[in-house]
Amino acid sequence: MADSGMKGRVKGLLGGVPPLDGPAEQTDAAPDPSAQRQALQVLTLAQRTAEEHVASAHHQADKICADARATAERIARDAQAHAEDLQRNADKALADARATAAQIARDAQAHADDVRRNADKALADAQARAEEIAKDAQANADELKHQAQQRYQDVVGSLAAKREALQQQIEALEHFDQEYRARLTAFMQTQLRALWVDEPHVDGEIEQPASLPTTDPAPVQGSHSRRS
């Protein structure tokens, strides 16, 4: 739709060029300044349209990059906070187990003072139970720490995969930007040449800017299919 509208505006600009009366006048007449101004307006409009499309593509690529970075940072912060919570819970469980073991040892010592005959047995039982509780607590703490590290590694691995996918999207957008520039330039040159062919009464040639190649560009086949 944008290409059709631009071509219509180009036709409208060139439509005001008055035709010459005959072949002799076409050969001897000087170039029409009005036609030159209109052709310059056509070229300026084409360049402005190309710049708007390129700026829009760059803006979309920058937005995708910013969103991807924000998402990656948020996921990393959440993973780090989760790992820290698991570590704190493991440390608290270990501290509680040690406190419980110390309390049991104190109770056993107090009971040994009251009942001397069973003091050694009660103390041995208490120490065995304390060691078992400490061992279980240490095993639980190690398991929690291992799970936290495993989850952190899983999250970091998924972040790496997402980062690679986003990098591929960015590279695809950059490739699309370059290809779109080339195709748009070729399309503009083709349209301008077609307009000059459709208007043979215009005498003289307009000097092309140095930024546009003078060779015939390849026909743009993907413009209509992309619009559809």
Protein backbone atom coordinates (compact mmCIF):
# COMPACT_ATOMS: atom_id res chain seq x y z
CA MET A 1 0.00 0.00 0.00
CA ALA A 2 2.88 2.40 0.83
CA ASP A 3 4.58 1.69 -2.53
CA SER A 4 1.33 2.29 -4.45
CA GLY A 5 0.71 5.54 -2.59
CA MET A 6 4.26 6.74 -3.25
CA LYS A 7 4.00 5.83 -6.95
CA GLY A 8 0.72 7.73 -7.10
CA ARG A 9 2.38 10.80 -5.62
CA VAL A 10 5.23 10.47 -8.11
CA LYS A 11 2.72 10.22 -10.98
CA GLY A 12 0.93 13.27 -9.59
CA LEU A 13 4.16 15.26 -9.48
CA LEU A 14 5.11 14.28 -13.02
CA GLY A 15 1.56 14.75 -14.30
CA GLY A 16 1.98 18.52 -14.35
CA VAL A 17 4.78 18.47 -16.96
CA PRO A 18 3.36 19.97 -20.21
CA PRO A 19 3.93 17.92 -23.39
CA LEU A 20 5.94 19.41 -26.30
CA ASP A 21 4.32 20.15 -29.68
CA GLY A 22 6.51 18.05 -32.03
CA PRO A 23 9.78 16.17 -32.52
CA ALA A 24 11.61 19.28 -33.72
CA GLU A 25 10.73 21.20 -30.57
CA GLN A 26 11.76 18.21 -28.42
CA THR A 27 15.23 18.32 -30.00
CA ASP A 28 15.84 22.09 -29.79
CA ALA A 29 13.96 23.03 -26.59
CA ALA A 30 15.89 23.55 -23.35
CA PRO A 31 15.14 21.34 -20.31
CA ASP A 32 11.98 22.40 -18.47
CA PRO A 33 12.96 23.73 -14.98
CA SER A 34 9.53 22.76 -13.65
CA ALA A 35 10.04 19.14 -14.70
CA GLN A 36 13.47 19.13 -13.08
CA ARG A 37 12.03 20.46 -9.83
CA GLN A 38 9.28 17.85 -9.87
CA ALA A 39 11.80 15.06 -10.50
CA LEU A 40 13.91 16.35 -7.61
CA GLN A 41 10.80 16.30 -5.40
CA VAL A 42 10.19 12.68 -6.45
CA LEU A 43 13.73 11.70 -5.51
CA THR A 44 13.48 13.57 -2.17
CA LEU A 45 10.17 11.83 -1.38
CA ALA A 46 11.70 8.42 -2.17
CA GLN A 47 14.72 9.07 0.05
CA ARG A 48 12.51 10.29 2.89
CA THR A 49 10.32 7.19 2.65
CA ALA A 50 13.38 4.91 2.69
CA GLU A 51 14.78 6.70 5.75
CA GLU A 52 11.45 6.35 7.58
CA HIS A 53 11.35 2.58 6.92
CA VAL A 54 14.97 2.14 8.05
CA ALA A 55 14.37 4.22 11.20
CA SER A 56 11.30 2.13 12.03
CA ALA A 57 13.28 -1.11 11.62
CA HIS A 58 16.07 0.22 13.86
CA HIS A 59 13.55 1.31 16.47
CA GLN A 60 11.93 -2.13 16.53
CA ALA A 61 15.34 -3.86 16.81
CA ASP A 62 16.36 -1.58 19.70
CA LYS A 63 13.08 -2.30 21.51
CA ILE A 64 13.54 -6.07 21.12
CA CYS A 65 17.12 -5.82 22.46
CA ALA A 66 16.01 -3.72 25.45
CA ASP A 67 13.15 -6.11 26.28
CA ALA A 68 15.46 -9.12 25.97
CA ARG A 69 18.08 -7.58 28.26
CA ALA A 70 15.44 -6.61 30.84
CA THR A 71 13.96 -10.13 30.80
CA ALA A 72 17.37 -11.76 31.18
CA GLU A 73 18.30 -9.50 34.08
CA ARG A 74 14.98 -10.11 35.82
CA ILE A 75 15.30 -13.89 35.47
CA ALA A 76 18.87 -13.78 36.76
CA ARG A 77 17.80 -11.71 39.78
CA ASP A 78 14.94 -14.09 40.54
CA ALA A 79 17.24 -17.11 40.28
CA GLN A 80 19.82 -15.50 42.56
CA ALA A 81 17.16 -14.56 45.13
CA HIS A 82 15.74 -18.09 45.04
CA ALA A 83 19.20 -19.61 45.54
CA GLU A 84 19.86 -17.28 48.47
CA ASP A 85 16.52 -18.22 50.06
CA LEU A 86 17.36 -21.91 49.79
CA GLN A 87 20.79 -21.29 51.30
CA ARG A 88 19.28 -19.37 54.21
CA ASN A 89 16.74 -22.14 54.83
CA ALA A 90 19.51 -24.73 54.81
CA ASP A 91 21.61 -22.72 57.25
CA LYS A 92 18.60 -22.22 59.52
CA ALA A 93 17.80 -25.94 59.50
CA LEU A 94 21.40 -26.77 60.37
CA ALA A 95 21.45 -24.20 63.18
CA ASP A 96 18.15 -25.50 64.57
CA ALA A 97 19.45 -29.07 64.49
CA ARG A 98 22.62 -28.07 66.31
CA ALA A 99 20.64 -26.14 68.88
CA THR A 100 18.37 -29.14 69.40
CA ALA A 101 21.37 -31.40 69.81
CA ALA A 102 22.93 -29.05 72.35
CA GLN A 103 19.67 -28.89 74.31
CA ILE A 104 19.41 -32.67 74.35
CA ALA A 105 22.99 -32.91 75.59
CA ARG A 106 22.26 -30.46 78.39
CA ASP A 107 19.11 -32.33 79.38
CA ALA A 108 21.02 -35.60 79.40
CA GLN A 109 23.71 -34.12 81.63
CA ALA A 110 21.11 -32.78 84.04
CA HIS A 111 19.37 -36.16 84.15
CA ALA A 112 22.74 -37.84 84.74
CA ASP A 113 23.27 -35.64 87.82
CA ASP A 114 19.92 -36.76 89.23
CA VAL A 115 20.32 -40.42 88.37
CA ARG A 116 23.99 -41.30 88.64
CA ARG A 117 23.44 -44.98 88.00
CA ASN A 118 22.09 -44.26 84.49
CA ALA A 119 24.26 -41.24 83.82
CA ASP A 120 26.72 -42.95 81.50
CA LYS A 121 24.00 -44.73 79.56
CA ALA A 122 21.84 -41.62 79.25
CA LEU A 123 24.81 -39.52 78.17
CA ALA A 124 25.86 -42.08 75.58
CA ASP A 125 22.31 -42.26 74.23
CA ALA A 126 22.07 -38.49 74.09
CA GLN A 127 25.40 -38.14 72.32
CA ALA A 128 24.46 -40.83 69.81
CA ARG A 129 21.12 -39.17 69.18
CA ALA A 130 22.77 -35.76 68.86
CA GLU A 131 25.29 -37.08 66.37
CA GLU A 132 22.54 -38.73 64.35
CA ILE A 133 20.47 -35.55 64.32
CA ALA A 134 23.49 -33.47 63.34
CA LYS A 135 24.35 -35.97 60.63
CA ASP A 136 20.80 -35.92 59.26
CA ALA A 137 20.69 -32.14 59.44
CA GLN A 138 24.01 -31.88 57.61
CA ALA A 139 22.78 -34.33 54.99
CA ASN A 140 19.57 -32.29 54.56
CA ALA A 141 21.56 -29.06 54.34
CA ASP A 142 23.88 -30.56 51.73
CA GLU A 143 20.89 -31.83 49.75
CA LEU A 144 19.21 -28.43 49.86
CA LYS A 145 22.42 -26.74 48.82
CA HIS A 146 22.86 -29.21 45.96
CA GLN A 147 19.29 -28.63 44.81
CA ALA A 148 19.81 -24.86 44.97
CA GLN A 149 22.99 -25.10 42.90
CA GLN A 150 21.29 -27.42 40.41
CA ARG A 151 18.34 -25.05 40.00
CA TYR A 152 20.70 -22.12 39.62
CA GLN A 153 22.64 -23.95 36.91
CA ASP A 154 19.38 -24.89 35.15
CA VAL A 155 18.23 -21.26 35.21
CA VAL A 156 21.60 -20.02 33.96
CA GLY A 157 21.55 -22.63 31.18
CA SER A 158 18.08 -21.57 30.08
CA LEU A 159 19.24 -17.94 30.13
CA ALA A 160 22.15 -18.82 27.86
CA ALA A 161 19.78 -20.54 25.42
CA LYS A 162 17.40 -17.57 25.47
CA ARG A 163 20.30 -15.16 25.00
CA GLU A 164 21.49 -17.13 21.97
CA ALA A 165 17.98 -17.15 20.49
CA LEU A 166 17.70 -13.39 21.03
CA GLN A 167 21.11 -12.87 19.43
CA GLN A 168 19.93 -14.83 16.40
CA GLN A 169 16.81 -12.64 16.23
CA ILE A 170 18.96 -9.51 16.38
CA GLU A 171 21.22 -10.80 13.61
CA ALA A 172 18.15 -11.68 11.52
CA LEU A 173 16.81 -8.14 12.01
CA GLU A 174 20.14 -6.63 10.97
CA HIS A 175 20.20 -8.87 7.87
CA PHE A 176 16.61 -7.84 7.11
CA ASP A 177 17.61 -4.18 7.51
CA GLN A 178 20.45 -4.52 4.98
CA GLU A 179 18.37 -6.52 2.53
CA TYR A 180 15.46 -4.07 2.87
CA ARG A 181 17.76 -1.12 2.16
CA ALA A 182 19.14 -2.79 -0.97
CA ARG A 183 15.70 -3.82 -2.25
CA LEU A 184 14.17 -0.44 -1.52
CA THR A 185 16.97 1.36 -3.37
CA ALA A 186 16.62 -0.98 -6.34
CA PHE A 187 12.84 -0.55 -6.30
CA MET A 188 13.12 3.26 -6.28
CA GLN A 189 15.58 3.21 -9.18
CA THR A 190 13.33 0.83 -11.13
CA GLN A 191 10.26 3.01 -10.51
CA LEU A 192 12.11 6.18 -11.54
CA ARG A 193 13.36 4.53 -14.73
CA ALA A 194 9.84 3.24 -15.45
CA LEU A 195 8.43 6.74 -14.93
CA TRP A 196 10.94 8.24 -17.35
CA VAL A 197 10.02 5.56 -19.90
CA ASP A 198 6.29 6.27 -19.37
CA GLU A 199 6.91 10.02 -19.95
CA PRO A 200 8.99 10.17 -23.17
CA HIS A 201 7.96 13.80 -23.85
CA VAL A 202 10.24 15.09 -21.09
CA ASP A 203 13.40 16.41 -22.75
CA GLY A 204 16.83 15.88 -21.21
CA GLU A 205 18.01 13.70 -18.34
CA ILE A 206 18.16 14.57 -14.69
CA GLU A 207 21.54 14.04 -13.10
CA GLN A 208 21.34 11.21 -10.56
CA PRO A 209 22.86 11.71 -7.13
CA ALA A 210 26.25 10.14 -6.46
CA SER A 211 24.80 7.88 -3.73
CA LEU A 212 22.66 5.88 -6.21
CA PRO A 213 24.34 3.33 -8.56
CA THR A 214 23.95 3.94 -12.31
CA THR A 215 23.73 0.25 -13.29
CA ASP A 216 20.38 -1.38 -13.91
CA PRO A 217 19.22 -2.99 -10.62
CA ALA A 218 17.82 -6.49 -10.50
CA PRO A 219 14.00 -6.58 -10.45
CA VAL A 220 12.53 -6.65 -6.96
CA GLN A 221 10.45 -9.81 -6.79
CA GLY A 222 9.74 -9.98 -3.08
CA SER A 223 8.13 -6.54 -2.54
CA HIS A 224 4.59 -7.48 -3.60
CA SER A 225 4.74 -10.86 -1.85
CA ARG A 226 5.97 -9.24 1.36
CA ARG A 227 3.14 -6.72 1.35
CA SER A 228 0.58 -9.51 0.91
